[in-house]
Amino acid sequence: MHFVEALIPLVAILSIFVVLPWMRMHYKSKERSQSALTGDEQLALTELRHVAERMEARLVTLERILDAEAPGWRERT
């Protein structure tokens, strides 16, 4: 019975200083790897960025044309 009584504090100390930090690091790295984008997602995001940049360029061009052909159009909207 004395052996079991001596083992309890040892297990508690090992749990606090070894097991718990290991579990924390394990799940933190797992969370970090799952939050990263996959290759397909990265490619889709890049493609969407290019589409948005083209749309922005078109919008700037349209605004320039409207400024030249219909001055004051911004105040009418």
PDB file of N, CA and C in Angstrom:
ATOM      1  N   MET A   1       0.813  -1.190   0.000  1.00  0.00           N
ATOM      2  CA  MET A   1       0.000   0.000   0.000  1.00  0.00           C
ATOM      3  C   MET A   1       0.854   1.250   0.000  1.00  0.00           C
ATOM      4  N   HIS A   2       2.036   1.211   0.594  1.00  0.00           N
ATOM      5  CA  HIS A   2       2.913   2.379   0.645  1.00  0.00           C
ATOM      6  C   HIS A   2       3.440   2.723  -0.746  1.00  0.00           C
ATOM      7  N   PHE A   3       3.625   1.730  -1.585  1.00  0.00           N
ATOM      8  CA  PHE A   3       4.126   1.969  -2.950  1.00  0.00           C
ATOM      9  C   PHE A   3       3.110   2.770  -3.763  1.00  0.00           C
ATOM     10  N   VAL A   4       1.836   2.424  -3.660  1.00  0.00           N
ATOM     11  CA  VAL A   4       0.781   3.120  -4.390  1.00  0.00           C
ATOM     12  C   VAL A   4       0.649   4.558  -3.888  1.00  0.00           C
ATOM     13  N   GLU A   5       0.760   4.744  -2.598  1.00  0.00           N
ATOM     14  CA  GLU A   5       0.678   6.080  -2.027  1.00  0.00           C
ATOM     15  C   GLU A   5       1.832   6.956  -2.500  1.00  0.00           C
ATOM     16  N   ALA A   6       2.991   6.409  -2.690  1.00  0.00           N
ATOM     17  CA  ALA A   6       4.144   7.163  -3.169  1.00  0.00           C
ATOM     18  C   ALA A   6       4.047   7.412  -4.671  1.00  0.00           C
ATOM     19  N   LEU A   7       3.355   6.549  -5.367  1.00  0.00           N
ATOM     20  CA  LEU A   7       3.235   6.663  -6.816  1.00  0.00           C
ATOM     21  C   LEU A   7       2.280   7.781  -7.237  1.00  0.00           C
ATOM     22  N   ILE A   8       1.280   8.068  -6.429  1.00  0.00           N
ATOM     23  CA  ILE A   8       0.275   9.084  -6.771  1.00  0.00           C
ATOM     24  C   ILE A   8       0.904  10.465  -6.959  1.00  0.00           C
ATOM     25  N   PRO A   9       1.717  10.976  -6.069  1.00  0.00           N
ATOM     26  CA  PRO A   9       2.335  12.295  -6.305  1.00  0.00           C
ATOM     27  C   PRO A   9       3.264  12.293  -7.528  1.00  0.00           C
ATOM     28  N   LEU A  10       3.954  11.188  -7.752  1.00  0.00           N
ATOM     29  CA  LEU A  10       4.854  11.085  -8.904  1.00  0.00           C
ATOM     30  C   LEU A  10       4.060  11.171 -10.214  1.00  0.00           C
ATOM     31  N   VAL A  11       2.944  10.476 -10.287  1.00  0.00           N
ATOM     32  CA  VAL A  11       2.089  10.518 -11.472  1.00  0.00           C
ATOM     33  C   VAL A  11       1.515  11.922 -11.656  1.00  0.00           C
ATOM     34  N   ALA A  12       1.124  12.553 -10.584  1.00  0.00           N
ATOM     35  CA  ALA A  12       0.578  13.904 -10.658  1.00  0.00           C
ATOM     36  C   ALA A  12       1.623  14.893 -11.179  1.00  0.00           C
ATOM     37  N   ILE A  13       2.828  14.792 -10.676  1.00  0.00           N
ATOM     38  CA  ILE A  13       3.907  15.697 -11.114  1.00  0.00           C
ATOM     39  C   ILE A  13       4.241  15.455 -12.580  1.00  0.00           C
ATOM     40  N   LEU A  14       4.340  14.194 -12.988  1.00  0.00           N
ATOM     41  CA  LEU A  14       4.615  13.881 -14.396  1.00  0.00           C
ATOM     42  C   LEU A  14       3.497  14.393 -15.292  1.00  0.00           C
ATOM     43  N   SER A  15       2.270  14.276 -14.840  1.00  0.00           N
ATOM     44  CA  SER A  15       1.142  14.753 -15.635  1.00  0.00           C
ATOM     45  C   SER A  15       1.221  16.258 -15.834  1.00  0.00           C
ATOM     46  N   ILE A  16       1.536  16.979 -14.788  1.00  0.00           N
ATOM     47  CA  ILE A  16       1.581  18.435 -14.867  1.00  0.00           C
ATOM     48  C   ILE A  16       2.725  18.919 -15.748  1.00  0.00           C
ATOM     49  N   PHE A  17       3.909  18.318 -15.606  1.00  0.00           N
ATOM     50  CA  PHE A  17       5.087  18.840 -16.294  1.00  0.00           C
ATOM     51  C   PHE A  17       5.434  18.158 -17.611  1.00  0.00           C
ATOM     52  N   VAL A  18       4.827  17.014 -17.910  1.00  0.00           N
ATOM     53  CA  VAL A  18       5.149  16.310 -19.152  1.00  0.00           C
ATOM     54  C   VAL A  18       3.906  16.110 -20.025  1.00  0.00           C
ATOM     55  N   VAL A  19       2.897  15.475 -19.475  1.00  0.00           N
ATOM     56  CA  VAL A  19       1.734  15.076 -20.268  1.00  0.00           C
ATOM     57  C   VAL A  19       0.923  16.291 -20.715  1.00  0.00           C
ATOM     58  N   LEU A  20       0.601  17.194 -19.814  1.00  0.00           N
ATOM     59  CA  LEU A  20      -0.224  18.347 -20.171  1.00  0.00           C
ATOM     60  C   LEU A  20       0.466  19.262 -21.196  1.00  0.00           C
ATOM     61  N   PRO A  21       1.752  19.620 -21.017  1.00  0.00           N
ATOM     62  CA  PRO A  21       2.398  20.437 -22.060  1.00  0.00           C
ATOM     63  C   PRO A  21       2.472  19.719 -23.407  1.00  0.00           C
ATOM     64  N   TRP A  22       2.707  18.407 -23.401  1.00  0.00           N
ATOM     65  CA  TRP A  22       2.749  17.661 -24.658  1.00  0.00           C
ATOM     66  C   TRP A  22       1.392  17.707 -25.352  1.00  0.00           C
ATOM     67  N   MET A  23       0.318  17.514 -24.596  1.00  0.00           N
ATOM     68  CA  MET A  23      -1.021  17.554 -25.186  1.00  0.00           C
ATOM     69  C   MET A  23      -1.320  18.938 -25.753  1.00  0.00           C
ATOM     70  N   ARG A  24      -0.926  19.971 -25.031  1.00  0.00           N
ATOM     71  CA  ARG A  24      -1.168  21.338 -25.499  1.00  0.00           C
ATOM     72  C   ARG A  24      -0.440  21.592 -26.817  1.00  0.00           C
ATOM     73  N   MET A  25       0.829  21.204 -26.900  1.00  0.00           N
ATOM     74  CA  MET A  25       1.593  21.397 -28.136  1.00  0.00           C
ATOM     75  C   MET A  25       1.021  20.565 -29.279  1.00  0.00           C
ATOM     76  N   HIS A  26       0.602  19.357 -28.979  1.00  0.00           N
ATOM     77  CA  HIS A  26       0.046  18.471 -30.000  1.00  0.00           C
ATOM     78  C   HIS A  26      -1.199  19.089 -30.633  1.00  0.00           C
ATOM     79  N   TYR A  27      -2.141  19.523 -29.813  1.00  0.00           N
ATOM     80  CA  TYR A  27      -3.382  20.075 -30.357  1.00  0.00           C
ATOM     81  C   TYR A  27      -3.171  21.445 -30.983  1.00  0.00           C
ATOM     82  N   LYS A  28      -2.222  22.215 -30.490  1.00  0.00           N
ATOM     83  CA  LYS A  28      -1.920  23.508 -31.089  1.00  0.00           C
ATOM     84  C   LYS A  28      -1.358  23.322 -32.497  1.00  0.00           C
ATOM     85  N   SER A  29      -0.459  22.357 -32.680  1.00  0.00           N
ATOM     86  CA  SER A  29       0.101  22.116 -34.012  1.00  0.00           C
ATOM     87  C   SER A  29      -0.949  21.521 -34.940  1.00  0.00           C
ATOM     88  N   LYS A  30      -1.829  20.708 -34.408  1.00  0.00           N
ATOM     89  CA  LYS A  30      -2.914  20.136 -35.212  1.00  0.00           C
ATOM     90  C   LYS A  30      -3.849  21.241 -35.696  1.00  0.00           C
ATOM     91  N   GLU A  31      -4.179  22.174 -34.814  1.00  0.00           N
ATOM     92  CA  GLU A  31      -5.040  23.304 -35.176  1.00  0.00           C
ATOM     93  C   GLU A  31      -4.372  24.180 -36.230  1.00  0.00           C
ATOM     94  N   ARG A  32      -3.091  24.411 -36.079  1.00  0.00           N
ATOM     95  CA  ARG A  32      -2.354  25.240 -37.034  1.00  0.00           C
ATOM     96  C   ARG A  32      -2.313  24.587 -38.412  1.00  0.00           C
ATOM     97  N   SER A  33      -2.138  23.298 -38.481  1.00  0.00           N
ATOM     98  CA  SER A  33      -2.078  22.623 -39.775  1.00  0.00           C
ATOM     99  C   SER A  33      -3.445  22.565 -40.451  1.00  0.00           C
ATOM    100  N   GLN A  34      -4.509  22.513 -39.675  1.00  0.00           N
ATOM    101  CA  GLN A  34      -5.845  22.471 -40.263  1.00  0.00           C
ATOM    102  C   GLN A  34      -6.300  23.839 -40.740  1.00  0.00           C
ATOM    103  N   SER A  35      -5.759  24.911 -40.163  1.00  0.00           N
ATOM    104  CA  SER A  35      -6.185  26.243 -40.563  1.00  0.00           C
ATOM    105  C   SER A  35      -5.477  26.721 -41.829  1.00  0.00           C
ATOM    106  N   ALA A  36      -4.439  26.015 -42.263  1.00  0.00           N
ATOM    107  CA  ALA A  36      -3.724  26.396 -43.476  1.00  0.00           C
ATOM    108  C   ALA A  36      -4.568  26.037 -44.702  1.00  0.00           C
ATOM    109  N   LEU A  37      -4.437  26.847 -45.752  1.00  0.00           N
ATOM    110  CA  LEU A  37      -5.179  26.587 -46.985  1.00  0.00           C
ATOM    111  C   LEU A  37      -4.545  25.439 -47.762  1.00  0.00           C
ATOM    112  N   THR A  38      -5.374  24.633 -48.404  1.00  0.00           N
ATOM    113  CA  THR A  38      -4.866  23.577 -49.264  1.00  0.00           C
ATOM    114  C   THR A  38      -4.391  24.201 -50.575  1.00  0.00           C
ATOM    115  N   GLY A  39      -3.736  23.434 -51.392  1.00  0.00           N
ATOM    116  CA  GLY A  39      -3.250  23.926 -52.673  1.00  0.00           C
ATOM    117  C   GLY A  39      -4.372  24.401 -53.577  1.00  0.00           C
ATOM    118  N   ASP A  40      -5.461  23.645 -53.624  1.00  0.00           N
ATOM    119  CA  ASP A  40      -6.621  24.026 -54.443  1.00  0.00           C
ATOM    120  C   ASP A  40      -7.254  25.316 -53.931  1.00  0.00           C
ATOM    121  N   GLU A  41      -7.357  25.452 -52.615  1.00  0.00           N
ATOM    122  CA  GLU A  41      -7.927  26.666 -52.036  1.00  0.00           C
ATOM    123  C   GLU A  41      -7.045  27.873 -52.318  1.00  0.00           C
ATOM    124  N   GLN A  42      -5.745  27.683 -52.220  1.00  0.00           N
ATOM    125  CA  GLN A  42      -4.797  28.765 -52.509  1.00  0.00           C
ATOM    126  C   GLN A  42      -4.921  29.197 -53.971  1.00  0.00           C
ATOM    127  N   LEU A  43      -5.030  28.230 -54.883  1.00  0.00           N
ATOM    128  CA  LEU A  43      -5.178  28.521 -56.305  1.00  0.00           C
ATOM    129  C   LEU A  43      -6.481  29.276 -56.569  1.00  0.00           C
ATOM    130  N   ALA A  44      -7.574  28.843 -55.949  1.00  0.00           N
ATOM    131  CA  ALA A  44      -8.863  29.510 -56.120  1.00  0.00           C
ATOM    132  C   ALA A  44      -8.810  30.931 -55.579  1.00  0.00           C
ATOM    133  N   LEU A  45      -8.149  31.125 -54.449  1.00  0.00           N
ATOM    134  CA  LEU A  45      -8.032  32.457 -53.869  1.00  0.00           C
ATOM    135  C   LEU A  45      -7.217  33.380 -54.774  1.00  0.00           C
ATOM    136  N   THR A  46      -6.150  32.869 -55.357  1.00  0.00           N
ATOM    137  CA  THR A  46      -5.333  33.654 -56.287  1.00  0.00           C
ATOM    138  C   THR A  46      -6.151  34.034 -57.520  1.00  0.00           C
ATOM    139  N   GLU A  47      -6.911  33.085 -58.034  1.00  0.00           N
ATOM    140  CA  GLU A  47      -7.747  33.353 -59.204  1.00  0.00           C
ATOM    141  C   GLU A  47      -8.804  34.411 -58.888  1.00  0.00           C
ATOM    142  N   LEU A  48      -9.426  34.320 -57.716  1.00  0.00           N
ATOM    143  CA  LEU A  48     -10.418  35.312 -57.316  1.00  0.00           C
ATOM    144  C   LEU A  48      -9.799  36.700 -57.168  1.00  0.00           C
ATOM    145  N   ARG A  49      -8.569  36.751 -56.670  1.00  0.00           N
ATOM    146  CA  ARG A  49      -7.881  38.038 -56.554  1.00  0.00           C
ATOM    147  C   ARG A  49      -7.654  38.655 -57.921  1.00  0.00           C
ATOM    148  N   HIS A  50      -7.250  37.842 -58.905  1.00  0.00           N
ATOM    149  CA  HIS A  50      -7.031  38.345 -60.265  1.00  0.00           C
ATOM    150  C   HIS A  50      -8.340  38.845 -60.879  1.00  0.00           C
ATOM    151  N   VAL A  51      -9.433  38.110 -60.662  1.00  0.00           N
ATOM    152  CA  VAL A  51     -10.737  38.538 -61.180  1.00  0.00           C
ATOM    153  C   VAL A  51     -11.132  39.874 -60.553  1.00  0.00           C
ATOM    154  N   ALA A  52     -10.923  40.017 -59.246  1.00  0.00           N
ATOM    155  CA  ALA A  52     -11.261  41.272 -58.562  1.00  0.00           C
ATOM    156  C   ALA A  52     -10.421  42.430 -59.090  1.00  0.00           C
ATOM    157  N   GLU A  53      -9.141  42.175 -59.356  1.00  0.00           N
ATOM    158  CA  GLU A  53      -8.280  43.234 -59.898  1.00  0.00           C
ATOM    159  C   GLU A  53      -8.748  43.658 -61.291  1.00  0.00           C
ATOM    160  N   ARG A  54      -9.161  42.703 -62.131  1.00  0.00           N
ATOM    161  CA  ARG A  54      -9.668  43.042 -63.460  1.00  0.00           C
ATOM    162  C   ARG A  54     -10.975  43.829 -63.369  1.00  0.00           C
ATOM    163  N   MET A  55     -11.838  43.419 -62.456  1.00  0.00           N
ATOM    164  CA  MET A  55     -13.106  44.134 -62.276  1.00  0.00           C
ATOM    165  C   MET A  55     -12.849  45.568 -61.802  1.00  0.00           C
ATOM    166  N   GLU A  56     -11.902  45.740 -60.917  1.00  0.00           N
ATOM    167  CA  GLU A  56     -11.576  47.079 -60.437  1.00  0.00           C
ATOM    168  C   GLU A  56     -11.049  47.946 -61.578  1.00  0.00           C
ATOM    169  N   ALA A  57     -10.199  47.379 -62.432  1.00  0.00           N
ATOM    170  CA  ALA A  57      -9.675  48.127 -63.577  1.00  0.00           C
ATOM    171  C   ALA A  57     -10.816  48.526 -64.520  1.00  0.00           C
ATOM    172  N   ARG A  58     -11.755  47.637 -64.742  1.00  0.00           N
ATOM    173  CA  ARG A  58     -12.904  47.950 -65.596  1.00  0.00           C
ATOM    174  C   ARG A  58     -13.755  49.064 -64.986  1.00  0.00           C
ATOM    175  N   LEU A  59     -13.964  49.006 -63.688  1.00  0.00           N
ATOM    176  CA  LEU A  59     -14.750  50.028 -63.006  1.00  0.00           C
ATOM    177  C   LEU A  59     -14.082  51.397 -63.121  1.00  0.00           C
ATOM    178  N   VAL A  60     -12.784  51.444 -62.960  1.00  0.00           N
ATOM    179  CA  VAL A  60     -12.053  52.706 -63.095  1.00  0.00           C
ATOM    180  C   VAL A  60     -12.214  53.248 -64.513  1.00  0.00           C
ATOM    181  N   THR A  61     -12.116  52.356 -65.498  1.00  0.00           N
ATOM    182  CA  THR A  61     -12.280  52.777 -66.893  1.00  0.00           C
ATOM    183  C   THR A  61     -13.688  53.312 -67.135  1.00  0.00           C
ATOM    184  N   LEU A  62     -14.703  52.627 -66.648  1.00  0.00           N
ATOM    185  CA  LEU A  62     -16.088  53.082 -66.803  1.00  0.00           C
ATOM    186  C   LEU A  62     -16.312  54.437 -66.131  1.00  0.00           C
ATOM    187  N   GLU A  63     -15.764  54.623 -64.967  1.00  0.00           N
ATOM    188  CA  GLU A  63     -15.906  55.911 -64.288  1.00  0.00           C
ATOM    189  C   GLU A  63     -15.235  57.029 -65.076  1.00  0.00           C
ATOM    190  N   ARG A  64     -14.079  56.732 -65.652  1.00  0.00           N
ATOM    191  CA  ARG A  64     -13.374  57.724 -66.469  1.00  0.00           C
ATOM    192  C   ARG A  64     -14.213  58.100 -67.696  1.00  0.00           C
ATOM    193  N   ILE A  65     -14.822  57.106 -68.336  1.00  0.00           N
ATOM    194  CA  ILE A  65     -15.674  57.359 -69.516  1.00  0.00           C
ATOM    195  C   ILE A  65     -16.890  58.193 -69.105  1.00  0.00           C
ATOM    196  N   LEU A  66     -17.527  57.816 -68.005  1.00  0.00           N
ATOM    197  CA  LEU A  66     -18.694  58.574 -67.538  1.00  0.00           C
ATOM    198  C   LEU A  66     -18.315  60.007 -67.161  1.00  0.00           C
ATOM    199  N   ASP A  67     -17.159  60.194 -66.534  1.00  0.00           N
ATOM    200  CA  ASP A  67     -16.715  61.550 -66.189  1.00  0.00           C
ATOM    201  C   ASP A  67     -16.561  62.405 -67.444  1.00  0.00           C
ATOM    202  N   ALA A  68     -16.080  61.800 -68.534  1.00  0.00           N
ATOM    203  CA  ALA A  68     -15.858  62.544 -69.770  1.00  0.00           C
ATOM    204  C   ALA A  68     -17.165  62.790 -70.517  1.00  0.00           C
ATOM    205  N   GLU A  69     -18.054  61.812 -70.543  1.00  0.00           N
ATOM    206  CA  GLU A  69     -19.266  61.915 -71.366  1.00  0.00           C
ATOM    207  C   GLU A  69     -20.485  62.445 -70.611  1.00  0.00           C
ATOM    208  N   ALA A  70     -20.534  62.286 -69.322  1.00  0.00           N
ATOM    209  CA  ALA A  70     -21.694  62.753 -68.543  1.00  0.00           C
ATOM    210  C   ALA A  70     -21.211  63.381 -67.246  1.00  0.00           C
ATOM    211  N   PRO A  71     -20.653  64.595 -67.340  1.00  0.00           N
ATOM    212  CA  PRO A  71     -20.160  65.241 -66.119  1.00  0.00           C
ATOM    213  C   PRO A  71     -21.287  65.380 -65.086  1.00  0.00           C
ATOM    214  N   GLY A  72     -20.948  65.216 -63.852  1.00  0.00           N
ATOM    215  CA  GLY A  72     -21.931  65.334 -62.777  1.00  0.00           C
ATOM    216  C   GLY A  72     -22.738  64.081 -62.527  1.00  0.00           C
ATOM    217  N   TRP A  73     -22.397  62.981 -63.143  1.00  0.00           N
ATOM    218  CA  TRP A  73     -23.160  61.742 -62.964  1.00  0.00           C
ATOM    219  C   TRP A  73     -23.081  61.238 -61.523  1.00  0.00           C
ATOM    220  N   ARG A  74     -22.000  61.562 -60.858  1.00  0.00           N
ATOM    221  CA  ARG A  74     -21.843  61.082 -59.475  1.00  0.00           C
ATOM    222  C   ARG A  74     -22.853  61.749 -58.544  1.00  0.00           C
ATOM    223  N   GLU A  75     -23.192  62.995 -58.802  1.00  0.00           N
ATOM    224  CA  GLU A  75     -24.129  63.694 -57.937  1.00  0.00           C
ATOM    225  C   GLU A  75     -25.573  63.214 -58.157  1.00  0.00           C
ATOM    226  N   ARG A  76     -25.856  62.625 -59.311  1.00  0.00           N
ATOM    227  CA  ARG A  76     -27.225  62.157 -59.624  1.00  0.00           C
ATOM    228  C   ARG A  76     -27.560  60.842 -58.940  1.00  0.00           C
ATOM    229  N   THR A  77     -26.582  60.106 -58.500  1.00  0.00           N
ATOM    230  CA  THR A  77     -26.851  58.788 -57.912  1.00  0.00           C
ATOM    231  C   THR A  77     -27.096  58.874 -56.433  1.00  0.00           C
TER     232      THR A  77
END
